[in-house]
Amino acid sequence: MNKKLIRHGNSLALVIDKPILELLQINEDTPLELTSDGDRLMVSPHRDKARQRKLRVSLDKINATFGQDLKRLAE
């Protein structure tokens, strides 16, 4: 998807389409993290440490229970 920046006062803004916002569960209150590798600009929702920890625990449980099955499926 190609987008153009729009003028917003003295700045430029990037408009994110509603389907993408819904997919990422982002709304106007979601803090966003901007990073760059020197060539690209990456925008991602900033997730707090507690949420990341909860995800890690869930993934560890899934891997402990189904890890071997998932490896076989990936082959």
C-alpha atoms as a PDB file:
ATOM      1  CA  MET A   1       0.000   0.000   0.000  1.00  0.00           C
ATOM      2  CA  ASN A   2       1.414   3.360  -0.985  1.00  0.00           C
ATOM      3  CA  LYS A   3       0.552   6.437   1.057  1.00  0.00           C
ATOM      4  CA  LYS A   4       1.435  10.111   0.908  1.00  0.00           C
ATOM      5  CA  LEU A   5       2.012  12.406   3.839  1.00  0.00           C
ATOM      6  CA  ILE A   6      -0.458  15.232   4.357  1.00  0.00           C
ATOM      7  CA  ARG A   7       0.220  18.668   5.800  1.00  0.00           C
ATOM      8  CA  HIS A   8      -0.969  19.111   9.397  1.00  0.00           C
ATOM      9  CA  GLY A   9      -0.074  22.610  10.593  1.00  0.00           C
ATOM     10  CA  ASN A  10       3.719  22.920  10.367  1.00  0.00           C
ATOM     11  CA  SER A  11       4.122  19.131  10.365  1.00  0.00           C
ATOM     12  CA  LEU A  12       3.347  16.210   8.093  1.00  0.00           C
ATOM     13  CA  ALA A  13       0.968  13.397   9.029  1.00  0.00           C
ATOM     14  CA  LEU A  14       0.411   9.857   7.862  1.00  0.00           C
ATOM     15  CA  VAL A  15      -3.225   8.750   7.709  1.00  0.00           C
ATOM     16  CA  ILE A  16      -3.692   5.089   8.632  1.00  0.00           C
ATOM     17  CA  ASP A  17      -6.732   3.427   7.085  1.00  0.00           C
ATOM     18  CA  LYS A  18      -9.433   2.015   9.363  1.00  0.00           C
ATOM     19  CA  PRO A  19      -8.965  -1.672   8.380  1.00  0.00           C
ATOM     20  CA  ILE A  20      -5.305  -1.489   9.412  1.00  0.00           C
ATOM     21  CA  LEU A  21      -6.194   0.202  12.696  1.00  0.00           C
ATOM     22  CA  GLU A  22      -8.756  -2.501  13.419  1.00  0.00           C
ATOM     23  CA  LEU A  23      -6.342  -5.284  12.500  1.00  0.00           C
ATOM     24  CA  LEU A  24      -3.717  -3.947  14.918  1.00  0.00           C
ATOM     25  CA  GLN A  25      -6.301  -2.929  17.547  1.00  0.00           C
ATOM     26  CA  ILE A  26      -5.121   0.668  17.457  1.00  0.00           C
ATOM     27  CA  ASN A  27      -7.242   3.712  18.239  1.00  0.00           C
ATOM     28  CA  GLU A  28      -6.542   7.392  18.891  1.00  0.00           C
ATOM     29  CA  ASP A  29      -5.497   6.593  22.487  1.00  0.00           C
ATOM     30  CA  THR A  30      -2.933   3.919  21.572  1.00  0.00           C
ATOM     31  CA  PRO A  31       0.656   5.060  22.053  1.00  0.00           C
ATOM     32  CA  LEU A  32       2.755   4.330  18.981  1.00  0.00           C
ATOM     33  CA  GLU A  33       6.439   3.540  18.779  1.00  0.00           C
ATOM     34  CA  LEU A  34       8.413   4.898  15.820  1.00  0.00           C
ATOM     35  CA  THR A  35      11.660   3.193  14.848  1.00  0.00           C
ATOM     36  CA  SER A  36      13.924   3.307  11.835  1.00  0.00           C
ATOM     37  CA  ASP A  37      16.644   1.118  10.418  1.00  0.00           C
ATOM     38  CA  GLY A  38      18.042   4.108   8.538  1.00  0.00           C
ATOM     39  CA  ASP A  39      16.085   3.249   5.404  1.00  0.00           C
ATOM     40  CA  ARG A  40      12.551   2.532   6.615  1.00  0.00           C
ATOM     41  CA  LEU A  41      10.173   4.040   9.131  1.00  0.00           C
ATOM     42  CA  MET A  42       8.369   1.457  11.248  1.00  0.00           C
ATOM     43  CA  VAL A  43       5.272   2.334  13.266  1.00  0.00           C
ATOM     44  CA  SER A  44       4.020  -0.147  15.840  1.00  0.00           C
ATOM     45  CA  PRO A  45       1.711   0.003  18.822  1.00  0.00           C
ATOM     46  CA  HIS A  46       3.640   0.431  22.051  1.00  0.00           C
ATOM     47  CA  ARG A  47       2.760  -2.506  24.262  1.00  0.00           C
ATOM     48  CA  ASP A  48       3.513  -2.247  27.951  1.00  0.00           C
ATOM     49  CA  LYS A  49       5.889  -4.649  29.680  1.00  0.00           C
ATOM     50  CA  ALA A  50       3.098  -6.468  31.572  1.00  0.00           C
ATOM     51  CA  ARG A  51       1.328  -7.279  28.298  1.00  0.00           C
ATOM     52  CA  GLN A  52       4.564  -8.530  26.723  1.00  0.00           C
ATOM     53  CA  ARG A  53       5.304 -10.666  29.798  1.00  0.00           C
ATOM     54  CA  LYS A  54       1.795 -12.187  29.673  1.00  0.00           C
ATOM     55  CA  LEU A  55       2.267 -13.003  25.977  1.00  0.00           C
ATOM     56  CA  ARG A  56       5.664 -14.592  26.662  1.00  0.00           C
ATOM     57  CA  VAL A  57       4.182 -16.792  29.425  1.00  0.00           C
ATOM     58  CA  SER A  58       1.367 -17.889  27.103  1.00  0.00           C
ATOM     59  CA  LEU A  59       3.796 -18.681  24.279  1.00  0.00           C
ATOM     60  CA  ASP A  60       6.019 -20.661  26.648  1.00  0.00           C
ATOM     61  CA  LYS A  61       3.012 -22.746  27.759  1.00  0.00           C
ATOM     62  CA  ILE A  62       1.984 -23.382  24.152  1.00  0.00           C
ATOM     63  CA  ASN A  63       5.533 -24.398  23.212  1.00  0.00           C
ATOM     64  CA  ALA A  64       5.831 -26.684  26.225  1.00  0.00           C
ATOM     65  CA  THR A  65       2.548 -28.401  25.374  1.00  0.00           C
ATOM     66  CA  PHE A  66       2.622 -28.409  21.575  1.00  0.00           C
ATOM     67  CA  GLY A  67       6.229 -27.627  20.647  1.00  0.00           C
ATOM     68  CA  GLN A  68       7.029 -31.021  19.141  1.00  0.00           C
ATOM     69  CA  ASP A  69       3.785 -31.075  17.153  1.00  0.00           C
ATOM     70  CA  LEU A  70       4.440 -27.557  15.843  1.00  0.00           C
ATOM     71  CA  LYS A  71       7.950 -28.549  14.748  1.00  0.00           C
ATOM     72  CA  ARG A  72       6.590 -31.570  12.854  1.00  0.00           C
ATOM     73  CA  LEU A  73       3.975 -29.401  11.148  1.00  0.00           C
ATOM     74  CA  ALA A  74       6.650 -26.909  10.095  1.00  0.00           C
ATOM     75  CA  GLU A  75       8.694 -29.613   8.319  1.00  0.00           C
END
